[in-house]
Amino acid sequence: MRGIIQIKEPMIHEISKSKLSITKDNAPVLTYCYGDPESPPYFHPFCAPNGQVVTGGEYTPGQYPPGVCFTLGTVNGERLDPNTLTREKEPSNAENWGNFTIVTTWNASEPLLIETCTTEVHPPQTEVQVLDIMLSLYAPTTSLEFAGNIGLGCRTVEMEYRKAANANGGIGELAMNGKRSVWGTLSGITTAEQNVVGAGIFPHPINGETTFLVEDVSLGYLFARAAPFKVNVGLTRTLKYRVLAYIGDLFTVDVWKHHQEYIG
């Protein structure tokens, strides 16, 4: 008699009212922290398919955000006050365990901005773990102008021989910092485990032009900054990103192939 093979789907686990995690076959995939109004929500740890944690850092005001994190920059010339927000998780679709949505309402008493973050966690592949993030920015009461560092960043685990690269052939911080590109990546050898891993950010073409900011000498940080834009009252602006956590480096992983799979 043949045994019954059970296929375990990705599962969402509520850790608390402010944190959830996703596992596959009881192995960690990522954790999402969204309950602290003083810090933007972030994904950390985010793991490659072999279980190696690729993200790093804890939140410290005035420093780079930890893990994979979306930041708003300035809205109408100012930073939004976190003391005015409400944030909640929408009910998950029972048929799609790897997806979840978080809604943040800024200035909740008289909504100024409604920010909806929808996340799709893909099943692990051989060399990559894929995370898709969609941000919807709705202006319910007044037109909003977004500027500054609005976009998606990734702070990586402590690495040796850390090196960043972009789609234009730029390799290293000096070659790609402040340059426009359709993707950026950062890889190296983890200091603790000596595993070769990397992270990549793919801004979707609907976002418009993206400038990458990077630090790969003293710290591993990659940021995809969107160009300033305006959202008129009653309208929504959508930004989409794909993030990879991969096994290997920029010489062994075909980042272009994974990018084409995303936009194709």
Protein backbone atom coordinates (compact mmCIF):
# COMPACT_ATOMS: atom_id res chain seq x y z
CA MET A 1 0.00 0.00 0.00
CA ARG A 2 1.35 3.38 -0.97
CA GLY A 3 1.67 6.02 1.68
CA ILE A 4 -0.28 9.25 1.45
CA ILE A 5 1.89 12.25 0.61
CA GLN A 6 0.72 15.44 2.24
CA ILE A 7 1.59 18.67 0.45
CA LYS A 8 1.76 21.56 2.87
CA GLU A 9 0.83 24.96 1.52
CA PRO A 10 2.33 28.23 2.80
CA MET A 11 0.72 29.08 6.11
CA ILE A 12 0.17 32.41 7.86
CA HIS A 13 0.72 32.38 11.61
CA GLU A 14 -0.50 35.26 13.76
CA ILE A 15 2.30 35.90 16.26
CA SER A 16 0.51 38.82 17.86
CA LYS A 17 -1.71 41.75 16.89
CA SER A 18 1.34 43.39 15.38
CA LYS A 19 3.24 40.57 13.69
CA LEU A 20 2.65 37.57 11.45
CA SER A 21 4.86 34.97 9.83
CA ILE A 22 4.63 32.66 6.84
CA THR A 23 6.08 29.17 6.79
CA LYS A 24 6.28 26.44 4.14
CA ASP A 25 6.58 22.83 5.29
CA ASN A 26 7.19 24.25 8.78
CA ALA A 27 10.26 26.16 7.51
CA PRO A 28 10.29 29.97 7.93
CA VAL A 29 9.78 32.11 4.83
CA LEU A 30 9.26 35.60 6.24
CA THR A 31 7.91 37.61 9.15
CA TYR A 32 5.97 40.85 8.73
CA CYS A 33 6.03 43.43 11.55
CA TYR A 34 3.32 46.08 11.28
CA GLY A 35 2.09 47.00 14.75
CA ASP A 36 4.47 49.76 15.86
CA PRO A 37 3.18 53.18 14.70
CA GLU A 38 6.63 54.69 15.32
CA SER A 39 8.16 52.55 12.56
CA PRO A 40 6.97 51.72 9.05
CA PRO A 41 5.93 48.07 8.55
CA TYR A 42 8.74 45.78 7.42
CA PHE A 43 9.53 42.20 6.40
CA HIS A 44 12.24 40.66 8.59
CA PRO A 45 13.46 38.01 8.60
CA PHE A 46 13.04 37.21 4.90
CA CYS A 47 14.65 33.89 3.97
CA ALA A 48 16.17 32.32 0.87
CA PRO A 49 14.87 28.83 -0.08
CA ASN A 50 17.60 27.15 2.00
CA GLY A 51 16.35 28.92 5.13
CA GLN A 52 19.20 31.44 5.23
CA VAL A 53 18.01 34.82 6.51
CA VAL A 54 18.84 37.48 3.92
CA THR A 55 17.53 40.60 5.68
CA GLY A 56 19.00 42.27 8.73
CA GLY A 57 18.65 45.02 11.28
CA GLU A 58 16.33 46.25 14.00
CA TYR A 59 14.41 49.51 13.79
CA THR A 60 16.30 52.52 15.16
CA PRO A 61 14.92 56.03 14.55
CA GLY A 62 17.15 58.03 12.22
CA GLN A 63 18.79 54.96 10.67
CA TYR A 64 17.91 52.76 7.72
CA PRO A 65 14.74 50.75 8.30
CA PRO A 66 15.27 47.03 8.90
CA GLY A 67 14.49 44.23 6.45
CA VAL A 68 12.34 44.97 3.40
CA CYS A 69 10.49 48.21 4.05
CA PHE A 70 8.38 50.73 2.11
CA THR A 71 8.76 54.37 3.12
CA LEU A 72 6.56 57.32 2.17
CA GLY A 73 9.10 60.14 2.10
CA THR A 74 7.23 63.42 2.48
CA VAL A 75 3.56 64.14 1.78
CA ASN A 76 2.71 67.74 0.87
CA GLY A 77 6.17 68.72 2.08
CA GLU A 78 5.95 67.11 5.52
CA ARG A 79 6.47 63.76 7.16
CA LEU A 80 3.21 62.23 8.30
CA ASP A 81 2.63 62.00 12.05
CA PRO A 82 2.59 58.32 13.13
CA ASN A 83 0.49 59.25 16.17
CA THR A 84 -2.50 59.87 13.86
CA LEU A 85 -2.59 56.51 12.07
CA THR A 86 -4.64 53.36 12.44
CA ARG A 87 -3.41 50.08 10.95
CA GLU A 88 -5.19 46.77 10.56
CA LYS A 89 -4.94 43.49 8.69
CA GLU A 90 -7.76 42.59 6.35
CA PRO A 91 -9.19 39.04 6.59
CA SER A 92 -7.04 36.57 4.63
CA ASN A 93 -8.41 34.56 1.73
CA ALA A 94 -8.64 30.98 2.98
CA GLU A 95 -7.79 29.73 -0.52
CA ASN A 96 -4.53 31.67 -0.72
CA TRP A 97 -2.54 31.28 2.49
CA GLY A 98 0.49 33.18 1.23
CA ASN A 99 -1.32 36.49 0.67
CA PHE A 100 -2.27 39.19 3.15
CA THR A 101 -3.24 42.88 3.13
CA ILE A 102 -2.50 45.64 5.65
CA VAL A 103 -4.40 48.95 5.53
CA THR A 104 -2.98 52.10 7.12
CA THR A 105 -5.17 55.18 7.49
CA TRP A 106 -3.24 58.37 8.15
CA ASN A 107 -4.99 61.06 10.21
CA ALA A 108 -7.74 58.57 11.03
CA SER A 109 -10.21 61.14 12.40
CA GLU A 110 -10.30 62.91 9.01
CA PRO A 111 -8.52 60.55 6.59
CA LEU A 112 -5.68 62.19 4.71
CA LEU A 113 -4.15 59.10 3.09
CA ILE A 114 -5.22 55.46 2.93
CA GLU A 115 -2.24 53.22 2.26
CA THR A 116 -3.01 49.61 1.32
CA CYS A 117 -0.14 47.10 1.20
CA THR A 118 -0.97 43.79 -0.49
CA THR A 119 1.63 41.03 -0.29
CA GLU A 120 1.94 37.81 -2.27
CA VAL A 121 4.45 35.20 -1.12
CA HIS A 122 5.33 32.72 -3.85
CA PRO A 123 6.19 29.06 -3.22
CA PRO A 124 9.99 28.69 -2.79
CA GLN A 125 11.95 27.83 -5.94
CA THR A 126 15.34 26.12 -6.15
CA GLU A 127 17.42 29.28 -5.88
CA VAL A 128 14.99 32.11 -5.13
CA GLN A 129 12.19 33.09 -2.79
CA VAL A 130 9.86 35.64 -4.40
CA LEU A 131 7.88 38.33 -2.62
CA ASP A 132 5.48 40.61 -4.53
CA ILE A 133 4.39 43.87 -2.90
CA MET A 134 1.69 46.25 -4.17
CA LEU A 135 1.14 49.65 -2.52
CA SER A 136 -2.06 51.57 -3.23
CA LEU A 137 -2.04 55.21 -2.12
CA TYR A 138 -5.52 56.77 -2.03
CA ALA A 139 -6.18 60.48 -1.45
CA PRO A 140 -9.73 60.64 0.03
CA THR A 141 -10.03 64.32 0.99
CA THR A 142 -7.26 66.40 -0.61
CA SER A 143 -4.64 66.10 -3.33
CA LEU A 144 -1.30 64.77 -2.12
CA GLU A 145 2.23 65.38 -3.40
CA PHE A 146 4.79 62.68 -2.63
CA ALA A 147 8.52 63.44 -2.67
CA GLY A 148 11.79 62.53 -0.97
CA ASN A 149 12.66 58.91 -0.26
CA ILE A 150 9.45 57.25 -1.31
CA GLY A 151 10.06 53.66 -2.36
CA LEU A 152 11.16 50.23 -1.26
CA GLY A 153 14.38 49.42 0.58
CA CYS A 154 16.16 46.28 1.71
CA ARG A 155 18.67 46.13 4.55
CA THR A 156 20.64 42.91 4.28
CA VAL A 157 22.14 40.54 6.81
CA GLU A 158 25.76 41.18 7.80
CA MET A 159 27.94 40.07 4.87
CA GLU A 160 31.54 39.82 3.76
CA TYR A 161 32.64 40.77 0.21
CA ARG A 162 29.33 42.56 -0.21
CA LYS A 163 28.70 43.96 -3.70
CA ALA A 164 25.77 45.74 -5.36
CA ALA A 165 24.90 45.70 -9.06
CA ASN A 166 22.23 47.08 -11.39
CA ALA A 167 20.69 46.33 -14.78
CA ASN A 168 23.02 48.79 -16.55
CA GLY A 169 26.14 46.79 -15.74
CA GLY A 170 27.12 48.96 -12.80
CA ILE A 171 28.90 47.00 -10.06
CA GLY A 172 29.64 48.52 -6.69
CA GLU A 173 28.40 51.46 -4.70
CA LEU A 174 30.21 54.14 -6.69
CA ALA A 175 29.03 52.79 -10.04
CA MET A 176 25.32 52.56 -9.23
CA ASN A 177 24.48 54.86 -6.33
CA GLY A 178 22.06 57.54 -7.55
CA LYS A 179 21.69 55.95 -10.98
CA ARG A 180 18.41 55.03 -12.67
CA SER A 181 17.88 51.35 -13.35
CA VAL A 182 15.13 48.78 -13.85
CA TRP A 183 16.53 46.57 -11.06
CA GLY A 184 19.16 46.49 -8.36
CA THR A 185 20.69 43.70 -6.32
CA LEU A 186 23.13 43.19 -3.46
CA SER A 187 24.91 39.95 -2.56
CA GLY A 188 27.76 38.60 -0.47
CA ILE A 189 28.83 35.91 2.00
CA THR A 190 26.98 35.89 5.30
CA THR A 191 29.39 36.64 8.12
CA ALA A 192 27.96 34.09 10.55
CA GLU A 193 27.17 31.11 8.31
CA GLN A 194 29.47 31.76 5.32
CA ASN A 195 26.58 31.24 2.89
CA VAL A 196 26.51 33.06 -0.45
CA VAL A 197 23.17 34.87 -0.73
CA GLY A 198 21.66 38.01 -2.15
CA ALA A 199 18.59 40.22 -2.41
CA GLY A 200 17.14 42.01 -5.41
CA ILE A 201 14.48 44.68 -5.94
CA PHE A 202 12.49 44.88 -9.18
CA PRO A 203 10.31 48.01 -9.46
CA HIS A 204 7.42 47.38 -11.86
CA PRO A 205 7.38 49.57 -15.01
CA ILE A 206 4.08 51.16 -13.89
CA ASN A 207 6.07 52.90 -11.13
CA GLY A 208 7.90 55.09 -13.63
CA GLU A 209 11.60 55.92 -13.38
CA THR A 210 13.43 54.49 -10.38
CA THR A 211 16.70 55.69 -8.89
CA PHE A 212 18.67 53.21 -6.80
CA LEU A 213 20.51 54.27 -3.66
CA VAL A 214 22.98 51.76 -2.30
CA GLU A 215 25.51 51.25 0.43
CA ASP A 216 27.67 48.13 0.15
CA VAL A 217 30.92 49.15 1.85
CA SER A 218 30.06 49.83 5.49
CA LEU A 219 26.47 48.54 5.42
CA GLY A 220 24.35 46.41 3.11
CA TYR A 221 21.43 48.61 2.01
CA LEU A 222 19.54 48.85 -1.27
CA PHE A 223 16.77 51.37 -1.95
CA ALA A 224 14.56 51.82 -5.02
CA ARG A 225 13.41 55.47 -4.95
CA ALA A 226 10.43 56.54 -7.04
CA ALA A 227 10.28 59.91 -8.77
CA PRO A 228 8.05 62.52 -7.06
CA PHE A 229 4.38 62.31 -8.00
CA LYS A 230 0.97 63.78 -7.18
CA VAL A 231 -2.26 61.95 -6.36
CA ASN A 232 -5.33 64.07 -7.00
CA VAL A 233 -8.25 63.92 -4.58
CA GLY A 234 -10.38 60.82 -5.01
CA LEU A 235 -7.71 58.98 -7.00
CA THR A 236 -5.22 56.20 -6.26
CA ARG A 237 -1.57 55.75 -7.21
CA THR A 238 -0.27 52.18 -7.29
CA LEU A 239 3.36 51.09 -6.91
CA LYS A 240 4.46 47.49 -7.44
CA TYR A 241 7.69 45.71 -6.52
CA ARG A 242 9.14 42.22 -6.62
CA VAL A 243 11.78 41.27 -4.07
CA LEU A 244 14.07 38.24 -4.38
CA ALA A 245 15.97 36.44 -1.66
CA TYR A 246 18.35 34.14 -3.52
CA ILE A 247 21.08 31.57 -3.07
CA GLY A 248 24.24 32.63 -4.91
CA ASP A 249 25.66 35.95 -6.05
CA LEU A 250 25.40 38.30 -9.01
CA PHE A 251 27.73 36.05 -11.03
CA THR A 252 25.83 32.79 -10.47
CA VAL A 253 22.20 33.95 -10.39
CA ASP A 254 20.58 35.18 -13.63
CA VAL A 255 18.89 38.29 -12.26
CA TRP A 256 17.81 39.38 -15.74
CA LYS A 257 15.88 36.13 -16.19
CA HIS A 258 13.99 36.63 -12.96
CA HIS A 259 13.28 40.25 -13.90
CA GLN A 260 11.85 39.23 -17.25
CA GLU A 261 9.64 36.67 -15.54
CA TYR A 262 8.22 39.49 -13.45
CA ILE A 263 7.51 42.09 -16.13
CA GLY A 264 6.88 39.63 -18.97
